[in-house]
Amino acid sequence: MNFPYKKFFSFVVLSALGIWLIAYVYRIFLAPLLFSLLLTFIFAPFVNSLEARKIPRGLSAFIITALLTTLFIVATVTLVPILYKQIVVFLNLALQNLQVWKNDFITFFKAVVIEKGLISGREFDGFVSRINPFSQLRDNLEENLWGIASLAPKWIGGVLTEILVPVLTFFFLKNLKFFQVFFIKAIPGELLTPLSILMGRIERVTRAVLHGQFIVAFILGCLYSVGFSLIGLNSAIFIGVIAGICRVIPYLDIAASFLLSFIVISANFTGWTQVIGLCVVVLVVQALDGIIITPKIIGGRTGIHPLIVVVSVIAFGNVFGFIGVLLALPVIATIKVAMSYFIPIYLNTDFYKKGLNQ
């Protein structure tokens, strides 16, 4: 099969260098820029749908952007005060829990080492006073607790900075067709057909991944928050929101739910009823997710193994920070589609067939 490999890879390399150069020049705005592109990618079909109903594209982009901005403002005004209070409560409970564990663990460990004759009580106390990870952790928690109020100006500054997001989102939604035409014109004629097929597949799979993962994460976050509130768990909404966010990485929501709930429950343990309730909530949410939510919303459209998602999100986050977490899913979806597209082409090349016959 005569596939124009050299021209294709030259075009890909030049495009990647161009994207890297733009990202480097505008790196100070990279986070809002990427977030705006993500929103544009997700909500472009809604703008296209409104435009198909004879609503001008500029007005359609404005309607979608205004709805998203209004939803964000309402959610911020409604949820931020609640989350603020619950974070403070959670950190206070974590401090109490840490103090209890410190006293119990150190007392138990001291008794064991003294009984074994490994060290005297005086030597042990001196050692603990010099190296005390519990004290360092407690100091960090206290610093976070008392620093929450001082972060308010930074939050306000962050909100002002994020005004760029709706502006950029509107700009990209309104001019998306212009960018698409420009990109198509930049593609060499010989590569137009294979790249159009490849980009179409990438768009479908990536949209399914992003839509699916974020919708599922939102639904599960709501279910966790309601369930934890029903069993009377302190900081229920905060823990539910964190669990929902963690659902972007498959199964991490379960670990986050149990870990954060354990901190809250053990700080003020009143019996096993709440522990059983916690297990029931997590099991019910996971059952709903496995039987109804994920199959209905995502189905088998992505074909990406959960382990690959977990490893990729952690790896990208470690290298690129929060931006890496945003990029992980689209990048692995793109790689998956590209491999499924190019492997059959490679298997039909003379290079492969000759090597097979030797």
Protein backbone atom coordinates (compact mmCIF):
# COMPACT_ATOMS: atom_id res chain seq x y z
CA MET A 1 0.00 0.00 0.00
CA ASN A 2 1.40 3.37 -1.04
CA PHE A 3 0.93 5.53 2.04
CA PRO A 4 2.84 8.87 1.98
CA TYR A 5 4.76 8.24 5.20
CA LYS A 6 7.46 10.87 4.77
CA LYS A 7 5.00 13.62 3.93
CA PHE A 8 2.68 12.53 6.73
CA PHE A 9 5.34 12.49 9.45
CA SER A 10 6.85 15.77 8.17
CA PHE A 11 3.42 17.38 8.43
CA VAL A 12 2.84 15.93 11.92
CA VAL A 13 6.27 17.10 13.16
CA LEU A 14 5.81 20.61 11.76
CA SER A 15 2.31 20.84 13.24
CA ALA A 16 3.59 19.65 16.63
CA LEU A 17 6.40 22.23 16.55
CA GLY A 18 3.90 24.96 15.68
CA ILE A 19 1.62 23.95 18.56
CA TRP A 20 4.59 23.80 20.94
CA LEU A 21 5.72 27.27 19.86
CA ILE A 22 2.25 28.75 20.42
CA ALA A 23 2.03 27.02 23.82
CA TYR A 24 5.46 28.36 24.79
CA VAL A 25 4.71 31.95 23.75
CA TYR A 26 1.33 31.96 25.50
CA ARG A 27 2.41 29.76 28.43
CA ILE A 28 1.22 32.30 31.01
CA PHE A 29 -2.32 31.78 29.66
CA LEU A 30 -1.90 28.06 29.00
CA ALA A 31 -4.29 26.78 31.70
CA PRO A 32 -7.30 28.99 30.73
CA LEU A 33 -6.46 28.44 27.05
CA LEU A 34 -6.52 24.64 27.38
CA PHE A 35 -9.64 24.73 29.54
CA SER A 36 -11.37 26.93 26.94
CA LEU A 37 -10.36 24.54 24.15
CA LEU A 38 -11.69 21.65 26.23
CA LEU A 39 -15.05 23.42 26.70
CA THR A 40 -15.11 24.30 23.00
CA PHE A 41 -14.53 20.68 22.04
CA ILE A 42 -17.27 19.45 24.38
CA PHE A 43 -19.93 22.06 23.57
CA ALA A 44 -19.29 22.68 19.86
CA PRO A 45 -22.04 20.18 18.87
CA PHE A 46 -24.59 22.27 20.82
CA VAL A 47 -23.55 25.41 18.93
CA ASN A 48 -23.73 23.49 15.65
CA SER A 49 -27.22 22.28 16.59
CA LEU A 50 -28.43 25.83 17.31
CA GLU A 51 -26.86 27.07 14.08
CA ALA A 52 -28.69 24.33 12.16
CA ARG A 53 -31.93 25.81 13.55
CA LYS A 54 -31.13 29.09 11.74
CA ILE A 55 -29.67 30.84 14.82
CA PRO A 56 -26.55 32.83 13.81
CA ARG A 57 -23.35 31.14 14.96
CA GLY A 58 -22.20 34.17 16.94
CA LEU A 59 -25.49 34.25 18.86
CA SER A 60 -25.39 30.46 19.32
CA ALA A 61 -21.85 30.68 20.76
CA PHE A 62 -22.95 33.54 23.03
CA ILE A 63 -25.97 31.56 24.32
CA ILE A 64 -23.88 28.47 25.16
CA THR A 65 -21.08 30.55 26.74
CA ALA A 66 -23.60 32.60 28.76
CA LEU A 67 -25.33 29.43 30.00
CA LEU A 68 -22.00 27.89 31.03
CA THR A 69 -20.88 31.10 32.77
CA THR A 70 -24.22 31.45 34.59
CA LEU A 71 -24.07 27.82 35.69
CA PHE A 72 -20.51 28.31 36.96
CA ILE A 73 -21.44 31.48 38.89
CA VAL A 74 -24.54 29.89 40.45
CA ALA A 75 -22.56 26.77 41.40
CA THR A 76 -19.76 28.93 42.84
CA VAL A 77 -22.10 31.15 44.88
CA THR A 78 -24.07 28.13 46.11
CA LEU A 79 -21.34 25.58 46.71
CA VAL A 80 -18.23 27.55 47.70
CA PRO A 81 -19.57 28.76 51.10
CA ILE A 82 -20.78 25.22 51.89
CA LEU A 83 -17.51 23.63 50.80
CA TYR A 84 -15.52 26.27 52.69
CA LYS A 85 -17.28 25.40 55.96
CA GLN A 86 -17.01 21.67 55.33
CA ILE A 87 -13.29 21.89 54.52
CA VAL A 88 -12.72 23.72 57.82
CA VAL A 89 -14.73 21.05 59.66
CA PHE A 90 -12.82 18.29 57.88
CA LEU A 91 -9.40 19.75 58.75
CA ASN A 92 -10.47 20.19 62.39
CA LEU A 93 -11.59 16.55 62.51
CA ALA A 94 -8.33 15.50 60.86
CA LEU A 95 -6.41 17.34 63.59
CA GLN A 96 -8.46 15.62 66.31
CA ASN A 97 -7.98 12.27 64.62
CA LEU A 98 -4.25 12.85 64.31
CA GLN A 99 -3.99 13.67 68.01
CA VAL A 100 -5.86 10.49 68.96
CA TRP A 101 -3.71 8.34 66.70
CA LYS A 102 -0.58 10.04 67.94
CA ASN A 103 -1.41 9.34 71.59
CA ASP A 104 -2.57 5.76 71.01
CA PHE A 105 0.19 4.76 68.58
CA ILE A 106 3.08 6.31 70.49
CA THR A 107 1.82 4.97 73.82
CA PHE A 108 1.45 1.46 72.37
CA PHE A 109 4.84 1.58 70.61
CA LYS A 110 6.55 2.94 73.74
CA ALA A 111 5.17 0.09 75.83
CA VAL A 112 6.37 -2.51 73.30
CA VAL A 113 9.95 -1.21 72.94
CA ILE A 114 10.34 -0.74 76.71
CA GLU A 115 8.95 -4.23 77.39
CA LYS A 116 11.43 -5.70 74.89
CA GLY A 117 14.26 -3.82 76.61
CA LEU A 118 15.24 -2.03 73.42
CA ILE A 119 15.23 1.48 74.94
CA SER A 120 14.42 3.23 78.22
CA GLY A 121 11.34 5.40 78.68
CA ARG A 122 13.46 8.54 79.00
CA GLU A 123 15.43 7.79 75.85
CA PHE A 124 12.21 7.05 73.96
CA ASP A 125 10.62 10.38 75.01
CA GLY A 126 13.76 12.25 73.95
CA PHE A 127 13.79 10.48 70.60
CA VAL A 128 10.09 11.24 69.97
CA SER A 129 10.56 14.91 70.86
CA ARG A 130 13.39 15.20 68.32
CA ILE A 131 11.75 13.25 65.47
CA ASN A 132 7.99 13.49 65.56
CA PRO A 133 6.29 13.11 62.15
CA PHE A 134 2.92 13.51 63.87
CA SER A 135 3.87 17.01 65.04
CA GLN A 136 5.06 17.98 61.57
CA LEU A 137 1.86 16.69 60.02
CA ARG A 138 -0.21 18.45 62.68
CA ASP A 139 1.63 21.71 62.02
CA ASN A 140 0.94 21.37 58.30
CA LEU A 141 -2.75 20.72 58.93
CA GLU A 142 -3.00 23.68 61.30
CA GLU A 143 -1.24 25.88 58.76
CA ASN A 144 -3.75 24.79 56.11
CA LEU A 145 -6.66 25.30 58.50
CA TRP A 146 -5.71 28.84 59.50
CA GLY A 147 -4.51 29.68 56.01
CA ILE A 148 -7.85 29.08 54.33
CA ALA A 149 -9.13 32.58 55.12
CA SER A 150 -5.90 34.18 53.91
CA LEU A 151 -6.34 32.43 50.57
CA ALA A 152 -9.53 34.36 49.83
CA PRO A 153 -7.72 37.19 47.97
CA LYS A 154 -5.90 34.59 45.86
CA TRP A 155 -9.21 32.90 45.07
CA ILE A 156 -10.67 36.23 44.00
CA GLY A 157 -7.62 36.88 41.84
CA GLY A 158 -7.97 33.41 40.35
CA VAL A 159 -11.63 34.07 39.54
CA LEU A 160 -10.69 37.36 37.87
CA THR A 161 -8.02 35.56 35.85
CA GLU A 162 -10.51 32.90 34.80
CA ILE A 163 -12.66 35.61 33.18
CA LEU A 164 -10.47 34.71 30.21
CA VAL A 165 -12.12 31.28 30.03
CA PRO A 166 -15.62 32.40 28.91
CA VAL A 167 -14.11 35.06 26.60
CA LEU A 168 -11.81 32.51 24.92
CA THR A 169 -14.55 29.87 24.84
CA PHE A 170 -16.91 32.28 23.05
CA PHE A 171 -14.15 33.21 20.59
CA PHE A 172 -13.32 29.56 19.77
CA LEU A 173 -16.97 28.48 19.51
CA LYS A 174 -17.81 31.40 17.23
CA ASN A 175 -14.79 30.94 14.95
CA LEU A 176 -14.47 27.16 15.07
CA LYS A 177 -15.43 26.68 11.42
CA PHE A 178 -12.81 29.23 10.39
CA PHE A 179 -10.11 27.26 12.24
CA GLN A 180 -11.35 24.01 10.69
CA VAL A 181 -11.22 25.47 7.15
CA PHE A 182 -7.76 26.91 7.84
CA PHE A 183 -6.51 23.52 9.09
CA ILE A 184 -7.96 21.69 6.07
CA LYS A 185 -6.32 24.17 3.68
CA ALA A 186 -2.98 23.63 5.43
CA ILE A 187 -3.10 19.86 4.82
CA PRO A 188 -1.30 18.69 1.66
CA GLY A 189 -3.78 17.25 -0.86
CA GLU A 190 -2.25 13.77 -0.71
CA LEU A 191 -2.81 13.61 3.05
CA LEU A 192 -6.30 15.13 3.11
CA THR A 193 -8.28 11.88 2.91
CA PRO A 194 -6.29 9.78 5.44
CA LEU A 195 -6.00 12.68 7.88
CA SER A 196 -9.72 13.48 7.58
CA ILE A 197 -10.58 9.86 8.40
CA LEU A 198 -8.10 9.79 11.28
CA MET A 199 -9.21 13.13 12.76
CA GLY A 200 -12.87 12.09 12.48
CA ARG A 201 -12.19 8.92 14.48
CA ILE A 202 -10.11 10.81 17.04
CA GLU A 203 -12.88 13.38 17.49
CA ARG A 204 -15.57 10.73 18.04
CA VAL A 205 -13.56 8.69 20.56
CA THR A 206 -12.16 11.71 22.42
CA ARG A 207 -15.60 13.30 22.68
CA ALA A 208 -17.00 10.03 24.03
CA VAL A 209 -14.18 9.82 26.59
CA LEU A 210 -14.52 13.42 27.78
CA HIS A 211 -18.31 13.54 27.77
CA GLY A 212 -18.57 10.16 29.40
CA GLN A 213 -15.95 10.52 32.13
CA PHE A 214 -17.00 14.01 33.22
CA ILE A 215 -20.74 13.30 33.15
CA VAL A 216 -20.22 10.09 35.12
CA ALA A 217 -17.95 11.93 37.58
CA PHE A 218 -20.61 14.64 38.08
CA ILE A 219 -23.42 12.12 38.65
CA LEU A 220 -21.36 10.04 41.06
CA GLY A 221 -20.26 13.16 42.95
CA CYS A 222 -23.93 14.07 43.48
CA LEU A 223 -24.82 10.51 44.54
CA TYR A 224 -21.92 10.32 46.99
CA SER A 225 -22.82 13.72 48.49
CA VAL A 226 -26.47 12.76 48.96
CA GLY A 227 -25.61 9.32 50.33
CA PHE A 228 -23.03 10.59 52.80
CA SER A 229 -25.42 13.32 53.94
CA LEU A 230 -28.16 10.73 54.57
CA ILE A 231 -25.91 8.73 56.91
CA GLY A 232 -24.97 11.92 58.79
CA LEU A 233 -21.32 12.01 57.75
CA ASN A 234 -19.49 15.22 58.60
CA SER A 235 -18.23 17.15 55.53
CA ALA A 236 -20.44 14.90 53.38
CA ILE A 237 -20.64 17.28 50.41
CA PHE A 238 -16.90 17.97 50.46
CA ILE A 239 -16.09 14.23 50.51
CA GLY A 240 -18.70 13.57 47.80
CA VAL A 241 -17.26 16.29 45.54
CA ILE A 242 -13.71 14.97 46.00
CA ALA A 243 -14.89 11.41 45.29
CA GLY A 244 -16.68 12.61 42.16
CA ILE A 245 -13.59 14.43 40.90
CA CYS A 246 -11.50 11.34 41.61
CA ARG A 247 -13.88 9.28 39.45
CA VAL A 248 -12.15 10.73 36.39
CA ILE A 249 -9.50 8.16 37.34
CA PRO A 250 -11.38 4.82 37.46
CA TYR A 251 -11.81 3.35 40.96
CA LEU A 252 -9.97 6.20 42.69
CA ASP A 253 -13.35 7.47 43.92
CA ILE A 254 -13.71 4.35 46.09
CA ALA A 255 -10.32 4.88 47.72
CA ALA A 256 -10.99 8.62 48.25
CA SER A 257 -14.44 7.93 49.74
CA PHE A 258 -13.15 5.41 52.28
CA LEU A 259 -9.98 7.34 53.18
CA LEU A 260 -11.65 10.72 53.77
CA SER A 261 -14.66 9.13 55.49
CA PHE A 262 -12.35 7.09 57.72
CA ILE A 263 -10.63 10.30 58.87
CA VAL A 264 -13.99 11.89 59.72
CA ILE A 265 -15.56 8.85 61.38
CA SER A 266 -12.53 7.83 63.44
CA ALA A 267 -12.20 11.40 64.80
CA ASN A 268 -15.60 11.04 66.46
CA PHE A 269 -16.39 7.32 66.48
CA THR A 270 -19.91 6.67 67.83
CA GLY A 271 -20.39 3.07 66.70
CA TRP A 272 -20.40 0.85 63.66
CA THR A 273 -23.71 2.10 62.26
CA GLN A 274 -22.11 4.91 60.30
CA VAL A 275 -19.32 2.61 59.06
CA ILE A 276 -21.93 0.15 57.76
CA GLY A 277 -23.84 3.07 56.23
CA LEU A 278 -20.65 4.24 54.49
CA CYS A 279 -20.08 0.78 53.00
CA VAL A 280 -23.71 0.59 51.85
CA VAL A 281 -23.51 4.03 50.16
CA VAL A 282 -20.28 3.17 48.32
CA LEU A 283 -21.61 -0.25 47.26
CA VAL A 284 -24.92 1.20 46.03
CA VAL A 285 -23.20 4.00 44.09
CA GLN A 286 -20.73 1.53 42.54
CA ALA A 287 -23.58 -0.83 41.62
CA LEU A 288 -25.52 2.00 39.97
CA ASP A 289 -22.34 3.07 38.18
CA GLY A 290 -21.49 -0.40 36.93
CA ILE A 291 -25.01 -1.49 35.95
CA ILE A 292 -26.66 1.74 34.73
CA ILE A 293 -24.59 4.94 34.66
CA THR A 294 -21.35 3.99 32.88
CA PRO A 295 -22.93 1.51 30.39
CA LYS A 296 -25.62 4.06 29.42
CA ILE A 297 -23.34 7.10 29.17
CA ILE A 298 -20.02 5.66 28.00
CA GLY A 299 -20.84 2.11 26.91
CA GLY A 300 -18.08 0.46 24.91
CA ARG A 301 -17.31 3.46 22.72
CA THR A 302 -13.91 4.32 24.17
CA GLY A 303 -12.23 0.93 24.35
CA ILE A 304 -9.59 2.28 26.75
CA HIS A 305 -8.71 -0.02 29.64
CA PRO A 306 -9.21 1.59 33.10
CA LEU A 307 -5.65 0.66 34.11
CA ILE A 308 -4.26 2.65 31.15
CA VAL A 309 -6.41 5.62 32.18
CA VAL A 310 -5.17 5.44 35.79
CA VAL A 311 -1.48 5.15 34.84
CA SER A 312 -1.74 7.87 32.18
CA VAL A 313 -3.53 10.41 34.38
CA ILE A 314 -1.00 9.88 37.21
CA ALA A 315 1.98 10.06 34.81
CA PHE A 316 0.73 13.16 32.96
CA GLY A 317 -0.19 14.84 36.24
CA ASN A 318 3.26 14.13 37.66
CA VAL A 319 5.02 15.64 34.62
CA PHE A 320 2.69 18.49 33.63
CA GLY A 321 0.67 19.12 36.81
CA PHE A 322 -3.04 19.99 36.54
CA ILE A 323 -2.69 20.67 32.80
CA GLY A 324 -1.38 17.12 32.40
CA VAL A 325 -4.47 15.74 34.15
CA LEU A 326 -6.65 17.65 31.66
CA LEU A 327 -4.63 16.40 28.69
CA ALA A 328 -4.24 12.76 29.74
CA LEU A 329 -7.61 11.44 28.53
CA PRO A 330 -7.57 13.20 25.13
CA VAL A 331 -3.95 12.17 24.50
CA ILE A 332 -4.43 8.47 25.28
CA ALA A 333 -7.67 8.47 23.24
CA THR A 334 -5.73 10.00 20.31
CA ILE A 335 -2.91 7.44 20.65
CA LYS A 336 -5.41 4.58 20.81
CA VAL A 337 -7.22 5.72 17.66
CA ALA A 338 -3.95 6.43 15.81
CA MET A 339 -2.66 2.95 16.61
CA SER A 340 -5.88 1.28 15.48
CA TYR A 341 -5.68 3.30 12.24
CA PHE A 342 -2.01 2.81 11.39
CA ILE A 343 -1.45 -0.82 12.47
CA PRO A 344 -3.57 -2.25 9.58
CA ILE A 345 -1.72 0.09 7.18
CA TYR A 346 1.63 -1.08 8.55
CA LEU A 347 0.62 -4.74 8.22
CA ASN A 348 -0.04 -4.15 4.52
CA THR A 349 3.29 -2.46 3.77
CA ASP A 350 6.00 -4.12 1.71
CA PHE A 351 8.42 -3.55 4.60
CA TYR A 352 6.31 -5.73 6.92
CA LYS A 353 5.44 -8.38 4.32
CA LYS A 354 9.03 -8.80 3.16
CA GLY A 355 10.20 -9.15 6.76
CA LEU A 356 7.49 -11.75 7.34
CA ASN A 357 8.51 -13.82 4.34
CA GLN A 358 12.22 -13.88 5.15
